[in-house]
Structures are given as C-alpha cells and as structure tokens.
Amino acid sequence: MKIALIAAFAFAFAPAAFAKGGKKHCVGADGADLASATTKKECKKAGGKWQKMKKAPAGDTTTTPK
C-alpha cells in the first residue's frame, strides 16, 4: 500500500519538476527545431541558436516542441 501511494505522488509531482527545463530550445538557421541539441553548448556546436520557446495561442491545442 505504501508503494502505491509513493508511486502516485511521484507521478503527480513529476511534471512540475521537469517543467522548468522546457523554456528554451535550439533552432537551426532554417527555423527548424534541432531536437538533438538539448543544451546551449550542443546547440552552438550544431550551428543553431538557443532561443525561448514561443507560447501557443490560447485556442491552439497542439503542444510546443521539446
């Protein structure tokens, strides 16, 4: 019973713990998202720019790239 309770709390709070890391991403010269570059250093090596993610409009149901 304790294990199930711990697992439930872990799943409930996991998104909040990882939300901070999704504010910036790597964008290539052509405007495409470079998903392979997950850090600013990797982005610079790939020839991209480390930029803030744009917020989706309120009516848009699609998710932003990670």
PDB file of N, CA and C in Angstrom:
ATOM      1  N   MET A   1       0.820  -1.188   0.000  1.00  0.00           N
ATOM      2  CA  MET A   1       0.000   0.000   0.000  1.00  0.00           C
ATOM      3  C   MET A   1       0.867   1.257   0.000  1.00  0.00           C
ATOM      4  N   LYS A   2       1.949   1.272   0.764  1.00  0.00           N
ATOM      5  CA  LYS A   2       2.835   2.429   0.811  1.00  0.00           C
ATOM      6  C   LYS A   2       3.491   2.662  -0.548  1.00  0.00           C
ATOM      7  N   ILE A   3       3.846   1.584  -1.227  1.00  0.00           N
ATOM      8  CA  ILE A   3       4.497   1.710  -2.528  1.00  0.00           C
ATOM      9  C   ILE A   3       3.554   2.362  -3.541  1.00  0.00           C
ATOM     10  N   ALA A   4       2.305   1.966  -3.519  1.00  0.00           N
ATOM     11  CA  ALA A   4       1.323   2.554  -4.431  1.00  0.00           C
ATOM     12  C   ALA A   4       1.133   4.037  -4.146  1.00  0.00           C
ATOM     13  N   LEU A   5       1.128   4.414  -2.889  1.00  0.00           N
ATOM     14  CA  LEU A   5       0.976   5.810  -2.511  1.00  0.00           C
ATOM     15  C   LEU A   5       2.188   6.630  -2.954  1.00  0.00           C
ATOM     16  N   ILE A   6       3.361   6.092  -2.755  1.00  0.00           N
ATOM     17  CA  ILE A   6       4.589   6.774  -3.180  1.00  0.00           C
ATOM     18  C   ILE A   6       4.606   6.937  -4.697  1.00  0.00           C
ATOM     19  N   ALA A   7       4.220   5.893  -5.418  1.00  0.00           N
ATOM     20  CA  ALA A   7       4.190   5.953  -6.879  1.00  0.00           C
ATOM     21  C   ALA A   7       3.178   7.000  -7.361  1.00  0.00           C
ATOM     22  N   ALA A   8       2.042   7.075  -6.704  1.00  0.00           N
ATOM     23  CA  ALA A   8       1.027   8.058  -7.089  1.00  0.00           C
ATOM     24  C   ALA A   8       1.551   9.483  -6.905  1.00  0.00           C
ATOM     25  N   PHE A   9       2.243   9.750  -5.797  1.00  0.00           N
ATOM     26  CA  PHE A   9       2.814  11.077  -5.571  1.00  0.00           C
ATOM     27  C   PHE A   9       3.928  11.378  -6.569  1.00  0.00           C
ATOM     28  N   ALA A  10       4.725  10.375  -6.907  1.00  0.00           N
ATOM     29  CA  ALA A  10       5.810  10.575  -7.866  1.00  0.00           C
ATOM     30  C   ALA A  10       5.258  10.982  -9.225  1.00  0.00           C
ATOM     31  N   PHE A  11       4.206  10.335  -9.680  1.00  0.00           N
ATOM     32  CA  PHE A  11       3.603  10.678 -10.971  1.00  0.00           C
ATOM     33  C   PHE A  11       2.903  12.031 -10.920  1.00  0.00           C
ATOM     34  N   ALA A  12       2.332  12.360  -9.788  1.00  0.00           N
ATOM     35  CA  ALA A  12       1.612  13.619  -9.661  1.00  0.00           C
ATOM     36  C   ALA A  12       2.558  14.824  -9.698  1.00  0.00           C
ATOM     37  N   PHE A  13       3.726  14.697  -9.090  1.00  0.00           N
ATOM     38  CA  PHE A  13       4.651  15.815  -9.000  1.00  0.00           C
ATOM     39  C   PHE A  13       5.746  15.804 -10.054  1.00  0.00           C
ATOM     40  N   ALA A  14       5.871  14.760 -10.847  1.00  0.00           N
ATOM     41  CA  ALA A  14       6.915  14.677 -11.861  1.00  0.00           C
ATOM     42  C   ALA A  14       6.809  15.791 -12.909  1.00  0.00           C
ATOM     43  N   PRO A  15       5.642  16.111 -13.469  1.00  0.00           N
ATOM     44  CA  PRO A  15       5.587  17.179 -14.472  1.00  0.00           C
ATOM     45  C   PRO A  15       6.047  18.532 -13.933  1.00  0.00           C
ATOM     46  N   ALA A  16       5.759  18.825 -12.705  1.00  0.00           N
ATOM     47  CA  ALA A  16       6.166  20.093 -12.116  1.00  0.00           C
ATOM     48  C   ALA A  16       7.684  20.168 -11.978  1.00  0.00           C
ATOM     49  N   ALA A  17       8.321  19.053 -11.718  1.00  0.00           N
ATOM     50  CA  ALA A  17       9.761  19.037 -11.551  1.00  0.00           C
ATOM     51  C   ALA A  17      10.493  19.262 -12.867  1.00  0.00           C
ATOM     52  N   PHE A  18       9.915  18.816 -13.973  1.00  0.00           N
ATOM     53  CA  PHE A  18      10.575  18.919 -15.256  1.00  0.00           C
ATOM     54  C   PHE A  18      10.088  20.103 -16.084  1.00  0.00           C
ATOM     55  N   ALA A  19       9.153  20.857 -15.611  1.00  0.00           N
ATOM     56  CA  ALA A  19       8.590  21.961 -16.379  1.00  0.00           C
ATOM     57  C   ALA A  19       9.603  23.079 -16.600  1.00  0.00           C
ATOM     58  N   LYS A  20      10.525  23.277 -15.689  1.00  0.00           N
ATOM     59  CA  LYS A  20      11.488  24.362 -15.779  1.00  0.00           C
ATOM     60  C   LYS A  20      12.395  24.209 -16.998  1.00  0.00           C
ATOM     61  N   GLY A  21      12.758  23.001 -17.354  1.00  0.00           N
ATOM     62  CA  GLY A  21      13.711  22.776 -18.420  1.00  0.00           C
ATOM     63  C   GLY A  21      13.173  23.010 -19.809  1.00  0.00           C
ATOM     64  N   GLY A  22      11.905  23.191 -19.987  1.00  0.00           N
ATOM     65  CA  GLY A  22      11.336  23.304 -21.313  1.00  0.00           C
ATOM     66  C   GLY A  22      11.132  24.723 -21.809  1.00  0.00           C
ATOM     67  N   LYS A  23      11.803  25.708 -21.264  1.00  0.00           N
ATOM     68  CA  LYS A  23      11.559  27.088 -21.650  1.00  0.00           C
ATOM     69  C   LYS A  23      12.380  27.519 -22.863  1.00  0.00           C
ATOM     70  N   LYS A  24      13.448  26.817 -23.198  1.00  0.00           N
ATOM     71  CA  LYS A  24      14.291  27.173 -24.335  1.00  0.00           C
ATOM     72  C   LYS A  24      14.570  25.937 -25.177  1.00  0.00           C
ATOM     73  N   HIS A  25      14.874  26.174 -26.446  1.00  0.00           N
ATOM     74  CA  HIS A  25      15.213  25.084 -27.348  1.00  0.00           C
ATOM     75  C   HIS A  25      16.141  25.603 -28.434  1.00  0.00           C
ATOM     76  N   CYS A  26      16.702  24.674 -29.205  1.00  0.00           N
ATOM     77  CA  CYS A  26      17.658  25.013 -30.251  1.00  0.00           C
ATOM     78  C   CYS A  26      16.943  25.122 -31.589  1.00  0.00           C
ATOM     79  N   VAL A  27      17.189  26.243 -32.275  1.00  0.00           N
ATOM     80  CA  VAL A  27      16.573  26.488 -33.578  1.00  0.00           C
ATOM     81  C   VAL A  27      17.682  26.650 -34.607  1.00  0.00           C
ATOM     82  N   GLY A  28      17.572  25.902 -35.709  1.00  0.00           N
ATOM     83  CA  GLY A  28      18.556  25.980 -36.779  1.00  0.00           C
ATOM     84  C   GLY A  28      18.390  27.239 -37.608  1.00  0.00           C
ATOM     85  N   ALA A  29      19.321  27.452 -38.560  1.00  0.00           N
ATOM     86  CA  ALA A  29      19.298  28.641 -39.408  1.00  0.00           C
ATOM     87  C   ALA A  29      18.034  28.696 -40.272  1.00  0.00           C
ATOM     88  N   ASP A  30      17.487  27.520 -40.623  1.00  0.00           N
ATOM     89  CA  ASP A  30      16.291  27.481 -41.456  1.00  0.00           C
ATOM     90  C   ASP A  30      15.000  27.587 -40.641  1.00  0.00           C
ATOM     91  N   GLY A  31      15.109  27.740 -39.335  1.00  0.00           N
ATOM     92  CA  GLY A  31      13.943  27.880 -38.467  1.00  0.00           C
ATOM     93  C   GLY A  31      13.430  26.569 -37.904  1.00  0.00           C
ATOM     94  N   ALA A  32      14.063  25.448 -38.288  1.00  0.00           N
ATOM     95  CA  ALA A  32      13.632  24.140 -37.797  1.00  0.00           C
ATOM     96  C   ALA A  32      14.190  23.883 -36.401  1.00  0.00           C
ATOM     97  N   ASP A  33      13.447  23.151 -35.619  1.00  0.00           N
ATOM     98  CA  ASP A  33      13.861  22.789 -34.267  1.00  0.00           C
ATOM     99  C   ASP A  33      14.920  21.698 -34.338  1.00  0.00           C
ATOM    100  N   LEU A  34      16.054  21.898 -33.667  1.00  0.00           N
ATOM    101  CA  LEU A  34      17.114  20.893 -33.613  1.00  0.00           C
ATOM    102  C   LEU A  34      16.949  20.115 -32.314  1.00  0.00           C
ATOM    103  N   ALA A  35      16.182  19.037 -32.367  1.00  0.00           N
ATOM    104  CA  ALA A  35      15.866  18.258 -31.165  1.00  0.00           C
ATOM    105  C   ALA A  35      17.089  17.537 -30.611  1.00  0.00           C
ATOM    106  N   SER A  36      18.092  17.260 -31.448  1.00  0.00           N
ATOM    107  CA  SER A  36      19.272  16.532 -30.977  1.00  0.00           C
ATOM    108  C   SER A  36      20.135  17.383 -30.056  1.00  0.00           C
ATOM    109  N   ALA A  37      20.056  18.699 -30.174  1.00  0.00           N
ATOM    110  CA  ALA A  37      20.821  19.604 -29.322  1.00  0.00           C
ATOM    111  C   ALA A  37      19.963  19.995 -28.123  1.00  0.00           C
ATOM    112  N   THR A  38      20.256  19.393 -26.980  1.00  0.00           N
ATOM    113  CA  THR A  38      19.432  19.631 -25.790  1.00  0.00           C
ATOM    114  C   THR A  38      20.029  20.656 -24.832  1.00  0.00           C
ATOM    115  N   THR A  39      21.274  21.078 -25.061  1.00  0.00           N
ATOM    116  CA  THR A  39      21.896  22.100 -24.222  1.00  0.00           C
ATOM    117  C   THR A  39      22.379  23.249 -25.097  1.00  0.00           C
ATOM    118  N   LYS A  40      22.673  24.380 -24.479  1.00  0.00           N
ATOM    119  CA  LYS A  40      23.141  25.547 -25.226  1.00  0.00           C
ATOM    120  C   LYS A  40      24.466  25.238 -25.931  1.00  0.00           C
ATOM    121  N   LYS A  41      25.325  24.486 -25.270  1.00  0.00           N
ATOM    122  CA  LYS A  41      26.624  24.129 -25.834  1.00  0.00           C
ATOM    123  C   LYS A  41      26.453  23.240 -27.073  1.00  0.00           C
ATOM    124  N   GLU A  42      25.577  22.238 -26.989  1.00  0.00           N
ATOM    125  CA  GLU A  42      25.319  21.352 -28.121  1.00  0.00           C
ATOM    126  C   GLU A  42      24.681  22.122 -29.271  1.00  0.00           C
ATOM    127  N   CYS A  43      23.824  23.068 -28.947  1.00  0.00           N
ATOM    128  CA  CYS A  43      23.151  23.877 -29.957  1.00  0.00           C
ATOM    129  C   CYS A  43      24.168  24.713 -30.740  1.00  0.00           C
ATOM    130  N   LYS A  44      25.106  25.306 -30.028  1.00  0.00           N
ATOM    131  CA  LYS A  44      26.125  26.123 -30.666  1.00  0.00           C
ATOM    132  C   LYS A  44      26.996  25.270 -31.596  1.00  0.00           C
ATOM    133  N   LYS A  45      27.327  24.050 -31.152  1.00  0.00           N
ATOM    134  CA  LYS A  45      28.117  23.135 -31.983  1.00  0.00           C
ATOM    135  C   LYS A  45      27.360  22.750 -33.251  1.00  0.00           C
ATOM    136  N   ALA A  46      26.035  22.616 -33.161  1.00  0.00           N
ATOM    137  CA  ALA A  46      25.211  22.220 -34.300  1.00  0.00           C
ATOM    138  C   ALA A  46      24.929  23.395 -35.241  1.00  0.00           C
ATOM    139  N   GLY A  47      25.358  24.592 -34.862  1.00  0.00           N
ATOM    140  CA  GLY A  47      25.156  25.763 -35.703  1.00  0.00           C
ATOM    141  C   GLY A  47      23.796  26.410 -35.527  1.00  0.00           C
ATOM    142  N   GLY A  48      23.152  26.169 -34.410  1.00  0.00           N
ATOM    143  CA  GLY A  48      21.836  26.741 -34.154  1.00  0.00           C
ATOM    144  C   GLY A  48      21.887  27.879 -33.161  1.00  0.00           C
ATOM    145  N   LYS A  49      20.721  28.396 -32.841  1.00  0.00           N
ATOM    146  CA  LYS A  49      20.592  29.454 -31.846  1.00  0.00           C
ATOM    147  C   LYS A  49      19.713  28.957 -30.712  1.00  0.00           C
ATOM    148  N   TRP A  50      20.099  29.242 -29.486  1.00  0.00           N
ATOM    149  CA  TRP A  50      19.365  28.850 -28.281  1.00  0.00           C
ATOM    150  C   TRP A  50      18.334  29.932 -28.012  1.00  0.00           C
ATOM    151  N   GLN A  51      17.050  29.624 -28.211  1.00  0.00           N
ATOM    152  CA  GLN A  51      16.001  30.625 -28.099  1.00  0.00           C
ATOM    153  C   GLN A  51      14.898  30.198 -27.145  1.00  0.00           C
ATOM    154  N   LYS A  52      14.159  31.199 -26.671  1.00  0.00           N
ATOM    155  CA  LYS A  52      12.991  30.927 -25.843  1.00  0.00           C
ATOM    156  C   LYS A  52      11.904  30.331 -26.716  1.00  0.00           C
ATOM    157  N   MET A  53      11.130  29.414 -26.141  1.00  0.00           N
ATOM    158  CA  MET A  53      10.009  28.837 -26.868  1.00  0.00           C
ATOM    159  C   MET A  53       8.880  29.854 -26.939  1.00  0.00           C
ATOM    160  N   LYS A  54       8.207  29.872 -28.079  1.00  0.00           N
ATOM    161  CA  LYS A  54       7.056  30.748 -28.240  1.00  0.00           C
ATOM    162  C   LYS A  54       5.842  30.080 -27.627  1.00  0.00           C
ATOM    163  N   LYS A  55       5.022  30.868 -26.954  1.00  0.00           N
ATOM    164  CA  LYS A  55       3.796  30.333 -26.364  1.00  0.00           C
ATOM    165  C   LYS A  55       2.768  30.120 -27.456  1.00  0.00           C
ATOM    166  N   ALA A  56       2.048  29.008 -27.374  1.00  0.00           N
ATOM    167  CA  ALA A  56       0.989  28.718 -28.333  1.00  0.00           C
ATOM    168  C   ALA A  56      -0.215  29.595 -28.032  1.00  0.00           C
ATOM    169  N   PRO A  57      -0.968  29.992 -29.049  1.00  0.00           N
ATOM    170  CA  PRO A  57      -2.191  30.774 -28.812  1.00  0.00           C
ATOM    171  C   PRO A  57      -3.173  29.998 -27.924  1.00  0.00           C
ATOM    172  N   ALA A  58      -4.024  30.688 -27.222  1.00  0.00           N
ATOM    173  CA  ALA A  58      -4.947  30.062 -26.275  1.00  0.00           C
ATOM    174  C   ALA A  58      -5.870  29.051 -26.936  1.00  0.00           C
ATOM    175  N   GLY A  59      -6.280  29.283 -28.172  1.00  0.00           N
ATOM    176  CA  GLY A  59      -7.188  28.375 -28.866  1.00  0.00           C
ATOM    177  C   GLY A  59      -6.493  27.193 -29.511  1.00  0.00           C
ATOM    178  N   ASP A  60      -5.166  27.206 -29.557  1.00  0.00           N
ATOM    179  CA  ASP A  60      -4.406  26.141 -30.214  1.00  0.00           C
ATOM    180  C   ASP A  60      -4.270  24.944 -29.275  1.00  0.00           C
ATOM    181  N   THR A  61      -4.544  23.753 -29.792  1.00  0.00           N
ATOM    182  CA  THR A  61      -4.481  22.542 -28.955  1.00  0.00           C
ATOM    183  C   THR A  61      -3.214  21.753 -29.171  1.00  0.00           C
ATOM    184  N   THR A  62      -2.319  22.195 -30.060  1.00  0.00           N
ATOM    185  CA  THR A  62      -1.079  21.466 -30.308  1.00  0.00           C
ATOM    186  C   THR A  62      -0.079  21.785 -29.200  1.00  0.00           C
ATOM    187  N   THR A  63       0.877  20.890 -29.007  1.00  0.00           N
ATOM    188  CA  THR A  63       1.889  21.098 -27.985  1.00  0.00           C
ATOM    189  C   THR A  63       3.115  21.740 -28.595  1.00  0.00           C
ATOM    190  N   THR A  64       3.897  22.438 -27.777  1.00  0.00           N
ATOM    191  CA  THR A  64       5.122  23.056 -28.257  1.00  0.00           C
ATOM    192  C   THR A  64       6.219  22.004 -28.322  1.00  0.00           C
ATOM    193  N   PRO A  65       7.196  22.147 -29.225  1.00  0.00           N
ATOM    194  CA  PRO A  65       8.278  21.153 -29.330  1.00  0.00           C
ATOM    195  C   PRO A  65       9.164  21.174 -28.101  1.00  0.00           C
ATOM    196  N   LYS A  66       9.761  20.064 -27.798  1.00  0.00           N
ATOM    197  CA  LYS A  66      10.650  19.963 -26.643  1.00  0.00           C
ATOM    198  C   LYS A  66      12.092  19.924 -27.072  1.00  0.00           C
TER     199      LYS A  66
END
